[in-house]
N, C-alpha and C. Protein backbone atom coordinates (compact mmCIF):
# COMPACT_ATOMS: atom_id res chain seq x y z
N MET A 1 4.41 -20.61 9.14
CA MET A 1 4.29 -19.20 8.89
C MET A 1 3.74 -18.35 9.96
N SER A 2 4.29 -17.33 10.50
CA SER A 2 3.64 -16.67 11.81
C SER A 2 2.62 -15.64 11.33
N VAL A 3 1.70 -15.31 12.05
CA VAL A 3 0.69 -14.30 11.83
C VAL A 3 1.10 -13.16 12.76
N SER A 4 1.29 -12.00 12.37
CA SER A 4 1.87 -10.67 12.98
C SER A 4 0.35 -9.97 14.06
N THR A 5 0.68 -9.67 15.05
CA THR A 5 -0.05 -9.19 16.23
C THR A 5 -0.94 -7.96 15.68
N GLY A 6 -0.04 -7.17 14.62
CA GLY A 6 -0.93 -6.16 13.88
C GLY A 6 -2.16 -6.45 13.03
N ALA A 7 -1.43 -7.55 12.58
CA ALA A 7 -2.67 -8.28 11.47
C ALA A 7 -4.13 -8.61 12.28
N LYS A 8 -3.71 -9.37 13.31
CA LYS A 8 -4.79 -10.05 13.92
C LYS A 8 -5.38 -9.01 14.46
N THR A 9 -4.82 -7.84 14.90
CA THR A 9 -5.64 -6.46 15.46
C THR A 9 -6.29 -5.99 14.56
N ARG A 10 -6.15 -5.78 13.29
CA ARG A 10 -6.56 -5.23 12.28
C ARG A 10 -8.02 -5.82 12.11
N LEU A 11 -7.63 -7.44 12.08
CA LEU A 11 -8.88 -8.35 11.94
C LEU A 11 -9.79 -8.01 13.03
N ARG A 12 -9.20 -8.18 14.23
CA ARG A 12 -10.38 -7.60 15.35
C ARG A 12 -11.12 -6.60 15.15
N VAL A 13 -10.62 -5.65 14.75
CA VAL A 13 -11.12 -4.24 14.29
C VAL A 13 -12.06 -4.57 13.33
N HIS A 14 -12.02 -5.35 12.43
CA HIS A 14 -12.87 -5.62 11.38
C HIS A 14 -14.16 -6.39 11.84
N LEU A 15 -14.05 -7.44 12.52
CA LEU A 15 -14.88 -7.92 13.32
C LEU A 15 -15.76 -7.30 14.09
N ALA A 16 -15.31 -6.46 14.92
CA ALA A 16 -16.10 -5.55 15.74
C ALA A 16 -17.09 -4.77 14.91
N ILE A 17 -16.63 -4.20 13.53
CA ILE A 17 -17.31 -3.40 12.69
C ILE A 17 -18.68 -4.24 12.26
N ILE A 18 -18.44 -5.60 12.01
CA ILE A 18 -19.40 -6.46 11.24
C ILE A 18 -20.28 -6.80 12.48
N ASP A 19 -19.96 -7.03 13.89
CA ASP A 19 -20.62 -7.32 14.62
C ASP A 19 -21.40 -6.37 15.19
N GLY A 20 -20.81 -5.09 14.93
CA GLY A 20 -21.70 -4.13 15.39
C GLY A 20 -23.25 -3.55 14.21
N ASP A 21 -23.04 -4.12 12.89
CA ASP A 21 -23.77 -4.20 11.86
C ASP A 21 -24.66 -5.18 12.08
N VAL A 22 -24.24 -6.18 12.77
CA VAL A 22 -24.92 -7.79 12.36
C VAL A 22 -25.73 -7.36 13.92
N ALA A 23 -25.37 -6.75 14.77
CA ALA A 23 -26.13 -7.08 16.47
C ALA A 23 -27.90 -6.57 16.06
N PRO A 24 -28.23 -5.35 15.39
CA PRO A 24 -29.45 -5.09 15.16
C PRO A 24 -30.37 -6.42 14.87
N VAL A 25 -29.96 -6.71 13.75
CA VAL A 25 -30.49 -7.87 12.98
C VAL A 25 -30.65 -9.04 14.42
N VAL A 26 -29.70 -9.40 14.71
CA VAL A 26 -29.89 -10.65 15.77
C VAL A 26 -30.83 -10.24 16.83
N ALA A 27 -30.59 -9.22 17.32
CA ALA A 27 -31.72 -8.41 18.57
C ALA A 27 -33.15 -8.75 17.68
N ARG A 28 -33.26 -8.33 16.62
CA ARG A 28 -34.71 -8.40 15.82
C ARG A 28 -35.12 -9.83 15.78
N TYR A 29 -33.87 -10.54 14.95
CA TYR A 29 -34.62 -11.71 14.60
C TYR A 29 -33.69 -13.15 15.33
N GLY A 30 -33.14 -12.78 16.44
CA GLY A 30 -32.59 -13.96 17.05
C GLY A 30 -33.50 -15.28 17.52
N ALA A 31 -34.39 -15.03 17.82
CA ALA A 31 -35.26 -15.97 18.27
C ALA A 31 -36.13 -16.90 17.03
N HIS A 32 -35.30 -16.34 16.12
CA HIS A 32 -35.81 -17.13 14.62
C HIS A 32 -34.85 -18.11 13.64
N ILE A 33 -33.43 -17.51 14.32
CA ILE A 33 -32.47 -18.12 13.61
C ILE A 33 -31.28 -18.54 14.75
N GLY A 34 -31.81 -18.62 15.84
CA GLY A 34 -30.84 -19.30 17.03
C GLY A 34 -30.19 -20.71 16.53
N CYS A 35 -29.35 -21.24 17.16
CA CYS A 35 -28.96 -22.57 16.99
C CYS A 35 -29.96 -23.43 18.33
N ARG A 36 -30.17 -24.65 17.75
CA ARG A 36 -31.15 -25.66 18.73
C ARG A 36 -31.00 -27.05 18.04
N PRO A 37 -31.48 -27.89 18.90
CA PRO A 37 -31.60 -29.08 18.29
C PRO A 37 -32.68 -29.49 17.26
N GLY A 38 -31.82 -30.05 16.27
CA GLY A 38 -32.69 -30.09 14.95
C GLY A 38 -32.20 -28.72 13.88
N CYS A 39 -31.66 -28.26 14.19
CA CYS A 39 -31.25 -27.02 13.27
C CYS A 39 -29.84 -27.53 12.76
N SER A 40 -29.35 -27.60 11.79
CA SER A 40 -28.25 -27.65 11.29
C SER A 40 -27.75 -27.19 10.09
N GLU A 41 -28.51 -26.57 9.59
CA GLU A 41 -28.16 -26.12 7.88
C GLU A 41 -26.77 -25.13 7.96
N CYS A 42 -26.86 -24.06 8.82
CA CYS A 42 -25.75 -23.38 8.82
C CYS A 42 -24.50 -24.19 9.42
N CYS A 43 -24.19 -25.05 10.28
CA CYS A 43 -23.56 -25.71 10.51
C CYS A 43 -22.92 -26.85 9.70
N HIS A 44 -23.25 -27.17 8.82
CA HIS A 44 -23.12 -27.99 7.68
C HIS A 44 -22.35 -27.61 6.37
N GLN A 45 -21.80 -26.30 6.62
CA GLN A 45 -21.45 -25.59 5.16
C GLN A 45 -20.38 -25.58 5.42
N SER A 46 -19.43 -25.69 4.07
CA SER A 46 -17.91 -25.73 3.81
C SER A 46 -17.69 -24.43 3.52
N PHE A 47 -16.89 -23.88 4.22
CA PHE A 47 -16.07 -22.58 4.15
C PHE A 47 -14.68 -22.67 4.27
N ARG A 48 -13.60 -21.90 3.59
CA ARG A 48 -12.19 -21.85 3.72
C ARG A 48 -12.27 -20.68 5.00
N VAL A 49 -10.62 -21.01 5.76
CA VAL A 49 -10.13 -19.99 7.04
C VAL A 49 -9.18 -19.84 6.75
N SER A 50 -8.35 -18.59 6.34
CA SER A 50 -7.23 -18.01 6.06
C SER A 50 -6.67 -18.26 7.53
N GLU A 51 -5.29 -18.32 7.32
CA GLU A 51 -4.08 -18.51 8.24
C GLU A 51 -4.34 -17.35 9.48
N LEU A 52 -4.85 -16.27 8.91
CA LEU A 52 -5.02 -15.31 9.78
C LEU A 52 -6.04 -15.38 10.74
N GLU A 53 -7.18 -16.03 9.99
CA GLU A 53 -8.64 -16.33 10.76
C GLU A 53 -8.01 -17.43 11.74
N GLY A 54 -7.58 -18.42 11.18
CA GLY A 54 -7.20 -19.49 12.00
C GLY A 54 -6.48 -19.12 13.43
N ALA A 55 -5.63 -18.21 13.25
CA ALA A 55 -5.05 -17.94 14.30
C ALA A 55 -5.66 -17.23 15.31
N LEU A 56 -6.77 -16.46 14.65
CA LEU A 56 -7.32 -15.86 15.63
C LEU A 56 -8.65 -16.94 16.43
N LEU A 57 -9.09 -17.59 15.63
CA LEU A 57 -9.87 -18.47 16.38
C LEU A 57 -9.47 -19.46 17.27
N ARG A 58 -8.03 -19.87 17.01
CA ARG A 58 -7.25 -20.56 17.87
C ARG A 58 -7.29 -19.45 19.20
N GLU A 59 -6.86 -18.41 19.10
CA GLU A 59 -6.84 -17.81 20.33
C GLU A 59 -8.37 -17.33 20.93
N GLY A 60 -9.19 -17.44 20.27
CA GLY A 60 -10.50 -17.56 20.99
C GLY A 60 -10.92 -16.01 21.19
N PRO A 61 -12.41 -15.95 21.59
CA PRO A 61 -12.66 -14.58 21.94
C PRO A 61 -11.95 -13.84 23.07
N GLY A 62 -11.90 -12.69 23.05
CA GLY A 62 -10.45 -11.75 23.85
C GLY A 62 -9.13 -11.76 23.24
N GLY A 63 -9.07 -12.74 22.45
CA GLY A 63 -7.61 -12.47 21.68
C GLY A 63 -6.41 -13.00 22.87
N GLY A 64 -6.77 -14.40 23.70
CA GLY A 64 -5.72 -14.72 24.31
C GLY A 64 -5.95 -14.43 25.89
N ARG A 65 -6.89 -13.13 25.98
CA ARG A 65 -7.29 -12.54 27.54
C ARG A 65 -8.25 -13.72 28.01
N ALA A 66 -8.36 -13.24 29.45
CA ALA A 66 -9.73 -14.24 29.80
C ALA A 66 -10.93 -13.78 29.22
N GLY A 67 -11.65 -14.49 28.84
CA GLY A 67 -13.05 -14.35 28.30
C GLY A 67 -13.61 -15.51 28.09
N ARG A 68 -14.83 -15.16 27.40
CA ARG A 68 -16.04 -16.23 27.80
C ARG A 68 -15.55 -17.52 27.04
N ALA A 69 -15.81 -18.73 27.80
CA ALA A 69 -15.32 -19.94 27.11
C ALA A 69 -16.71 -20.64 26.99
N GLY A 70 -16.68 -21.61 26.16
CA GLY A 70 -17.93 -22.32 25.64
C GLY A 70 -19.28 -21.80 25.35
N GLY A 71 -20.23 -21.86 25.54
CA GLY A 71 -21.47 -21.19 25.26
C GLY A 71 -22.31 -21.69 23.88
N ASP A 72 -22.57 -20.56 23.32
CA ASP A 72 -23.11 -20.92 21.65
C ASP A 72 -22.23 -21.50 20.58
N ARG A 73 -22.30 -22.21 19.99
CA ARG A 73 -21.39 -22.55 18.92
C ARG A 73 -21.89 -22.59 17.50
N GLY A 74 -22.98 -22.29 17.43
CA GLY A 74 -23.33 -21.82 15.67
C GLY A 74 -23.16 -20.46 15.74
N PRO A 75 -23.86 -19.75 14.33
CA PRO A 75 -23.77 -18.48 13.88
C PRO A 75 -23.92 -17.75 14.90
N LEU A 76 -24.76 -17.33 15.78
CA LEU A 76 -25.37 -16.73 16.81
C LEU A 76 -24.28 -16.67 17.74
N GLY A 77 -23.68 -17.77 18.18
CA GLY A 77 -22.39 -17.74 19.35
C GLY A 77 -21.72 -17.02 19.11
N GLY A 78 -20.94 -16.75 17.62
CA GLY A 78 -19.99 -15.76 17.26
C GLY A 78 -20.39 -14.35 17.46
N VAL A 79 -21.74 -14.03 17.65
CA VAL A 79 -22.29 -12.53 17.80
C VAL A 79 -22.63 -12.36 19.25
N ARG A 80 -23.44 -13.32 19.99
CA ARG A 80 -23.33 -12.98 21.25
C ARG A 80 -22.49 -12.92 22.11
N GLY A 81 -22.09 -11.67 22.66
CA GLY A 81 -20.93 -11.71 23.88
C GLY A 81 -20.11 -12.17 23.41
N ARG A 82 -19.38 -11.64 21.93
CA ARG A 82 -18.01 -11.90 21.43
C ARG A 82 -17.19 -10.70 21.54
N SER A 83 -16.36 -11.00 22.20
CA SER A 83 -15.14 -9.59 22.45
C SER A 83 -13.99 -10.05 21.52
N TRP A 84 -13.70 -9.94 20.22
CA TRP A 84 -12.49 -10.18 19.76
C TRP A 84 -11.43 -9.09 19.93
């Protein structure tokens, strides 16, 4: 089953709204919640990913456009510098 471009675009808009709301929290508390050696609580949680989310994750930041590669892998990595 393929995922429509319109659905991915709507999800990118939704993620941008969430990123905007989370950015002030990360700016204020990022030093306390950053991923680092010895920290693993967030990385070992189970969660489901929808087909739409999976398609977007496969494309990566920038939606298949040239963008950031590598970098942070934890929960803050999704906020810092993401351009969905």
